[in-house]
């Protein structure tokens, strides 16, 4: 992996911004530029970009913006391993997480950090808006419709997502590192922090803008999150025998009323201008996610059969 740190910060920064990146040549520069343009003093924060064994020009984009890099060839290991590596290297008392394809607004850090430094929260989940352009495709609208709904995640699941998450160091020290799994670990990790007594708050003025996915990337996201669902269900105490039922239930056709309600919540009136296309892509995404979950369930079952029953003699 590559850890890129802002070279201008000579004194100890109070904020460490953490960005995992894998083959992010096309957008990592925009992300770093937005971070360097924050409306707080440059010396008050450091930027740690973790390049998870990219095979493109991600490293060149990082270097072109004045960041120094330490190369470690042990990847790719995934975004949670990258975040753990950055946390271990971070010098700040506050950790701010975002993604390589995100563009934080100019006051992202100031808005989020204020809530922590004034004692209102230990963890801040900010708002994620999607860069859709004037004529978005239905798949892009579906991406914006259903993904990264930070307000709902905080309210219903008491969790948050690392595309826009700012936490005090004491949370990281208390909860420990992220588990290096496929997907969904940020929700489990932040819920663990909430259950441990740390205060989680949604701050809508702490905004990052994210690139909306095309159809292929959207379905890859659905498959990946689906593969991580059994782990999430297990963490919530759902019995293993119920996992296939949950996967199949998630694949049922979505009602149009649910889509319309979500479009109003996310302020996406464009989604209801093409309701059938949005319905189709929503159902396709859900079926892909369910297929990913069933694939993971099947793979776990096969692994248990191959491994056989536990060796009773080993316990003796």
Protein backbone atom coordinates (compact mmCIF):
# COMPACT_ATOMS: atom_id res chain seq x y z
CA UNK A 1 0.00 0.00 0.00
CA UNK A 2 0.94 3.61 -0.34
CA UNK A 3 0.40 6.13 2.40
CA UNK A 4 0.41 9.70 1.11
CA UNK A 5 0.64 12.45 3.68
CA UNK A 6 0.47 16.20 3.33
CA UNK A 7 4.04 17.38 3.51
CA UNK A 8 3.30 20.99 4.51
CA UNK A 9 1.99 20.21 8.00
CA UNK A 10 5.06 20.79 10.20
CA UNK A 11 3.32 20.92 13.61
CA UNK A 12 1.04 18.24 14.98
CA UNK A 13 -2.32 18.54 13.16
CA UNK A 14 -5.58 18.29 15.06
CA UNK A 15 -7.36 16.53 12.14
CA UNK A 16 -6.28 13.54 10.05
CA UNK A 17 -8.19 13.11 6.79
CA UNK A 18 -8.17 9.48 5.60
CA UNK A 19 -8.86 8.47 1.97
CA UNK A 20 -8.46 4.88 0.69
CA UNK A 21 -7.86 4.62 -3.06
CA UNK A 22 -7.61 1.74 -5.51
CA UNK A 23 -7.20 2.48 -9.24
CA UNK A 24 -8.59 5.96 -8.59
CA UNK A 25 -6.55 7.89 -11.15
CA UNK A 26 -9.65 9.47 -12.70
CA UNK A 27 -10.98 11.12 -9.54
CA UNK A 28 -8.42 11.11 -6.71
CA UNK A 29 -7.02 14.45 -7.92
CA UNK A 30 -10.41 16.13 -7.60
CA UNK A 31 -10.79 14.72 -4.10
CA UNK A 32 -7.38 15.96 -2.95
CA UNK A 33 -7.93 19.38 -4.53
CA UNK A 34 -11.19 19.73 -2.60
CA UNK A 35 -9.46 18.74 0.62
CA UNK A 36 -6.65 21.22 0.10
CA UNK A 37 -9.30 23.90 -0.48
CA UNK A 38 -11.02 23.49 2.90
CA UNK A 39 -11.84 26.75 4.70
CA UNK A 40 -9.68 25.96 7.72
CA UNK A 41 -5.97 26.55 8.31
CA UNK A 42 -3.85 24.19 6.21
CA UNK A 43 -1.56 23.34 9.09
CA UNK A 44 -4.48 22.16 11.21
CA UNK A 45 -5.02 18.98 9.19
CA UNK A 46 -3.06 16.29 7.41
CA UNK A 47 -4.18 14.21 4.44
CA UNK A 48 -3.46 10.48 4.39
CA UNK A 49 -4.27 8.79 1.08
CA UNK A 50 -3.83 5.02 1.15
CA UNK A 51 -3.22 3.63 -2.33
CA UNK A 52 -4.31 0.01 -2.15
CA UNK A 53 -1.94 -1.41 -4.80
CA UNK A 54 -3.34 0.61 -7.70
CA UNK A 55 -2.30 -0.44 -11.19
CA UNK A 56 -3.00 2.94 -12.80
CA UNK A 57 -1.71 6.49 -12.28
CA UNK A 58 -3.18 7.02 -8.82
CA UNK A 59 0.26 7.51 -7.30
CA UNK A 60 1.21 10.11 -9.92
CA UNK A 61 -1.96 12.10 -9.20
CA UNK A 62 -1.13 12.08 -5.49
CA UNK A 63 2.45 13.23 -6.08
CA UNK A 64 1.35 15.96 -8.50
CA UNK A 65 -0.48 17.63 -5.61
CA UNK A 66 2.51 17.87 -3.34
CA UNK A 67 1.88 14.83 -1.19
CA UNK A 68 4.73 12.52 -0.27
CA UNK A 69 4.20 8.78 -0.46
CA UNK A 70 5.42 5.69 1.39
CA UNK A 71 5.16 2.54 -0.73
CA UNK A 72 4.31 -0.78 0.90
CA UNK A 73 3.72 -3.70 -1.47
CA UNK A 74 1.25 -5.87 0.43
CA UNK A 75 -2.03 -5.20 -1.40
CA UNK A 76 -4.63 -5.02 -2.58
CA UNK A 77 -6.37 -5.69 0.72
CA UNK A 78 -9.48 -3.55 0.46
CA UNK A 79 -10.63 -0.19 1.83
CA UNK A 80 -11.01 -1.24 5.47
CA UNK A 81 -7.44 -2.48 5.64
CA UNK A 82 -6.37 0.79 4.04
CA UNK A 83 -8.27 2.81 6.64
CA UNK A 84 -6.70 0.78 9.45
CA UNK A 85 -3.26 1.51 8.08
CA UNK A 86 -4.00 5.24 7.94
CA UNK A 87 -5.45 5.25 11.45
CA UNK A 88 -2.23 3.74 12.76
CA UNK A 89 -0.21 6.49 11.06
CA UNK A 90 -2.55 9.39 11.89
CA UNK A 91 -1.36 12.16 14.19
CA UNK A 92 -4.60 14.07 14.71
CA UNK A 93 -7.10 13.87 17.56
CA UNK A 94 -9.96 13.79 15.03
CA UNK A 95 -10.20 11.37 12.09
CA UNK A 96 -12.16 12.40 8.97
CA UNK A 97 -13.00 9.62 6.50
CA UNK A 98 -14.07 10.03 2.88
CA UNK A 99 -13.66 8.14 -0.41
CA UNK A 100 -11.41 8.73 -3.41
CA UNK A 101 -14.38 9.47 -5.68
CA UNK A 102 -15.87 12.03 -3.30
CA UNK A 103 -15.54 15.81 -3.52
CA UNK A 104 -15.90 17.42 -0.08
CA UNK A 105 -17.45 20.89 -0.05
CA UNK A 106 -15.26 23.74 1.16
CA UNK A 107 -16.74 23.73 4.68
CA UNK A 108 -16.95 19.95 5.14
CA UNK A 109 -14.28 19.73 7.82
CA UNK A 110 -15.26 22.92 9.66
CA UNK A 111 -18.92 21.85 9.92
CA UNK A 112 -18.19 18.30 11.05
CA UNK A 113 -15.33 19.11 13.39
CA UNK A 114 -17.33 21.87 15.10
CA UNK A 115 -19.91 19.31 16.25
CA UNK A 116 -17.16 17.21 17.82
CA UNK A 117 -15.10 20.00 19.36
CA UNK A 118 -18.19 21.60 20.96
CA UNK A 119 -19.08 18.29 22.59
CA UNK A 120 -22.25 17.64 20.57
CA UNK A 121 -20.99 14.33 19.17
CA UNK A 122 -18.20 11.78 19.19
CA UNK A 123 -19.05 10.65 15.66
CA UNK A 124 -20.47 12.84 12.88
CA UNK A 125 -22.19 11.42 9.82
CA UNK A 126 -22.41 14.05 7.08
CA UNK A 127 -24.67 14.36 4.06
CA UNK A 128 -23.70 12.74 0.75
CA UNK A 129 -24.93 14.36 -2.47
CA UNK A 130 -24.43 12.81 -5.90
CA UNK A 131 -22.90 14.48 -8.95
CA UNK A 132 -25.57 13.63 -11.52
CA UNK A 133 -25.14 16.20 -14.28
CA UNK A 134 -27.99 17.69 -16.34
CA UNK A 135 -29.14 14.40 -17.95
CA UNK A 136 -28.48 11.52 -15.55
CA UNK A 137 -29.07 7.94 -16.61
CA UNK A 138 -31.67 5.88 -14.69
CA UNK A 139 -28.90 3.76 -13.14
CA UNK A 140 -27.23 6.91 -11.80
CA UNK A 141 -30.50 8.14 -10.31
CA UNK A 142 -30.97 4.75 -8.64
CA UNK A 143 -27.47 5.01 -7.19
CA UNK A 144 -28.33 8.41 -5.71
CA UNK A 145 -31.73 7.21 -4.59
CA UNK A 146 -30.73 4.23 -2.48
CA UNK A 147 -27.09 4.57 -1.52
CA UNK A 148 -25.34 6.60 1.17
CA UNK A 149 -28.49 7.82 2.89
CA UNK A 150 -26.67 9.03 6.00
CA UNK A 151 -29.71 10.50 7.73
CA UNK A 152 -31.65 7.25 7.47
CA UNK A 153 -28.63 5.18 8.47
CA UNK A 154 -28.18 7.18 11.66
CA UNK A 155 -31.90 7.26 12.51
CA UNK A 156 -32.79 3.63 11.79
CA UNK A 157 -29.53 1.69 12.23
CA UNK A 158 -27.53 3.93 14.59
CA UNK A 159 -24.68 3.62 12.11
CA UNK A 160 -22.84 5.65 9.49
CA UNK A 161 -20.73 5.29 6.35
CA UNK A 162 -17.07 6.11 5.81
CA UNK A 163 -17.74 8.11 2.64
CA UNK A 164 -18.54 10.96 5.05
CA UNK A 165 -17.63 10.18 8.64
CA UNK A 166 -15.71 12.25 11.19
CA UNK A 167 -14.85 10.77 14.59
CA UNK A 168 -12.78 11.61 17.64
CA UNK A 169 -9.67 9.52 18.18
CA UNK A 170 -11.13 8.16 21.42
CA UNK A 171 -13.75 6.33 19.32
CA UNK A 172 -11.07 4.55 17.29
CA UNK A 173 -9.17 3.71 20.47
CA UNK A 174 -12.34 2.42 22.12
CA UNK A 175 -13.84 0.39 19.27
CA UNK A 176 -10.63 -0.83 17.69
CA UNK A 177 -9.77 -1.33 14.01
CA UNK A 178 -12.19 -2.11 11.19
CA UNK A 179 -12.64 -5.74 10.32
CA UNK A 180 -11.12 -6.41 6.90
CA UNK A 181 -14.27 -7.75 5.21
CA UNK A 182 -15.87 -7.25 1.79
CA UNK A 183 -18.46 -4.58 2.56
CA UNK A 184 -20.68 -3.08 5.25
CA UNK A 185 -18.05 -2.89 7.97
CA UNK A 186 -18.48 0.87 8.44
CA UNK A 187 -22.11 0.36 9.48
CA UNK A 188 -21.18 -2.37 11.97
CA UNK A 189 -18.20 -0.40 13.31
CA UNK A 190 -20.17 2.80 13.91
CA UNK A 191 -23.06 0.85 15.46
CA UNK A 192 -20.53 -0.75 17.82
CA UNK A 193 -19.38 2.73 18.79
CA UNK A 194 -22.97 3.79 19.43
CA UNK A 195 -23.63 0.68 21.53
CA UNK A 196 -20.47 1.46 23.53
CA UNK A 197 -21.95 4.82 24.55
CA UNK A 198 -20.36 7.17 22.01
CA UNK A 199 -22.67 9.88 20.64
CA UNK A 200 -23.45 9.67 16.92
CA UNK A 201 -25.04 12.66 15.19
CA UNK A 202 -26.14 13.44 11.64
CA UNK A 203 -24.86 16.85 10.51
CA UNK A 204 -26.47 17.76 7.14
CA UNK A 205 -24.22 20.78 6.58
CA UNK A 206 -21.10 18.59 6.48
CA UNK A 207 -21.39 17.65 2.81
CA UNK A 208 -19.40 15.60 0.32
CA UNK A 209 -20.41 15.08 -3.31
CA UNK A 210 -19.94 11.64 -4.80
CA UNK A 211 -19.66 10.44 -8.38
CA UNK A 212 -22.80 8.56 -9.43
CA UNK A 213 -22.09 5.07 -10.80
CA UNK A 214 -22.90 3.78 -14.27
CA UNK A 215 -24.91 0.58 -14.69
CA UNK A 216 -22.02 -1.87 -14.51
CA UNK A 217 -20.48 -0.20 -11.46
CA UNK A 218 -23.89 -0.03 -9.77
CA UNK A 219 -24.46 -3.76 -10.14
CA UNK A 220 -20.90 -4.53 -8.99
CA UNK A 221 -21.69 -2.45 -5.90
CA UNK A 222 -24.90 -4.42 -5.40
CA UNK A 223 -23.07 -7.76 -5.68
CA UNK A 224 -20.33 -6.63 -3.30
CA UNK A 225 -22.75 -5.33 -0.67
CA UNK A 226 -24.84 -8.46 -1.06
CA UNK A 227 -21.81 -10.64 -0.38
CA UNK A 228 -21.33 -8.72 2.86
CA UNK A 229 -24.97 -8.95 4.02
CA UNK A 230 -24.69 -12.32 5.83
CA UNK A 231 -21.89 -10.86 7.97
CA UNK A 232 -24.07 -7.84 8.76
CA UNK A 233 -27.06 -10.04 9.60
CA UNK A 234 -24.92 -12.21 11.87
CA UNK A 235 -23.64 -9.12 13.69
CA UNK A 236 -27.26 -8.07 14.29
CA UNK A 237 -28.08 -11.44 15.83
CA UNK A 238 -30.06 -12.89 12.91
CA UNK A 239 -29.99 -16.69 13.04
CA UNK A 240 -28.03 -18.26 10.15
CA UNK A 241 -31.03 -20.30 8.98
CA UNK A 242 -32.91 -17.03 8.37
CA UNK A 243 -30.22 -15.59 6.08
CA UNK A 244 -31.49 -17.27 2.88
CA UNK A 245 -35.03 -16.09 3.67
CA UNK A 246 -33.79 -12.52 4.11
CA UNK A 247 -31.91 -12.70 0.81
CA UNK A 248 -34.94 -13.98 -1.11
CA UNK A 249 -37.27 -11.44 0.52
CA UNK A 250 -34.98 -8.60 -0.53
CA UNK A 251 -35.33 -9.68 -4.17
CA UNK A 252 -39.09 -9.09 -4.32
CA UNK A 253 -40.25 -6.37 -6.75
CA UNK A 254 -40.24 -2.97 -5.02
CA UNK A 255 -43.53 -1.04 -4.84
CA UNK A 256 -43.59 2.24 -6.74
CA UNK A 257 -44.87 3.97 -3.61
CA UNK A 258 -41.62 3.11 -1.81
CA UNK A 259 -39.57 4.55 -4.66
CA UNK A 260 -41.66 7.74 -4.71
CA UNK A 261 -41.27 8.16 -0.95
CA UNK A 262 -37.50 7.76 -1.18
CA UNK A 263 -37.32 10.22 -4.08
CA UNK A 264 -39.04 12.86 -1.95
CA UNK A 265 -36.70 12.15 0.97
CA UNK A 266 -33.58 12.44 -1.16
CA UNK A 267 -34.97 15.45 -3.08
CA UNK A 268 -34.64 13.61 -6.41
CA UNK A 269 -37.65 14.74 -8.41
CA UNK A 270 -35.87 13.57 -11.59
CA UNK A 271 -36.33 9.97 -10.45
CA UNK A 272 -40.10 10.18 -10.79
CA UNK A 273 -39.92 11.59 -14.30
CA UNK A 274 -39.03 8.06 -15.52
CA UNK A 275 -40.73 5.85 -12.90
CA UNK A 276 -40.67 2.56 -14.86
CA UNK A 277 -36.95 2.84 -15.65
CA UNK A 278 -36.20 3.68 -12.03
CA UNK A 279 -38.37 0.76 -10.86
CA UNK A 280 -36.57 -1.64 -13.20
CA UNK A 281 -33.08 -0.58 -12.11
CA UNK A 282 -34.09 -0.65 -8.44
CA UNK A 283 -35.37 -4.22 -8.80
CA UNK A 284 -32.27 -5.26 -10.78
CA UNK A 285 -30.07 -3.81 -8.05
CA UNK A 286 -32.00 -5.64 -5.33
CA UNK A 287 -31.88 -8.94 -7.22
CA UNK A 288 -28.11 -8.52 -7.69
CA UNK A 289 -27.66 -7.82 -4.01
CA UNK A 290 -29.75 -10.86 -3.09
CA UNK A 291 -27.76 -13.04 -5.50
CA UNK A 292 -24.55 -11.84 -3.84
CA UNK A 293 -25.92 -12.73 -0.40
CA UNK A 294 -27.01 -16.19 -1.55
CA UNK A 295 -23.59 -16.75 -3.12
CA UNK A 296 -21.88 -15.93 0.17
CA UNK A 297 -24.30 -18.17 2.11
CA UNK A 298 -23.66 -21.07 -0.30
CA UNK A 299 -19.89 -20.59 -0.15
CA UNK A 300 -19.95 -20.62 3.65
CA UNK A 301 -22.06 -23.80 3.65
CA UNK A 302 -19.66 -25.55 1.27
CA UNK A 303 -16.70 -24.49 3.39
CA UNK A 304 -18.31 -25.99 6.50
CA UNK A 305 -19.02 -29.26 4.70
CA UNK A 306 -15.46 -29.49 3.36
CA UNK A 307 -13.99 -28.67 6.77
CA UNK A 308 -16.12 -31.35 8.42
CA UNK A 309 -17.22 -31.47 12.06
CA UNK A 310 -14.90 -30.12 14.77
CA UNK A 311 -12.27 -32.54 16.02
CA UNK A 312 -13.47 -33.51 19.48
CA UNK A 313 -10.03 -34.92 20.38
CA UNK A 314 -8.50 -31.47 19.92
CA UNK A 315 -10.54 -30.18 22.86
CA UNK A 316 -9.16 -32.96 25.05
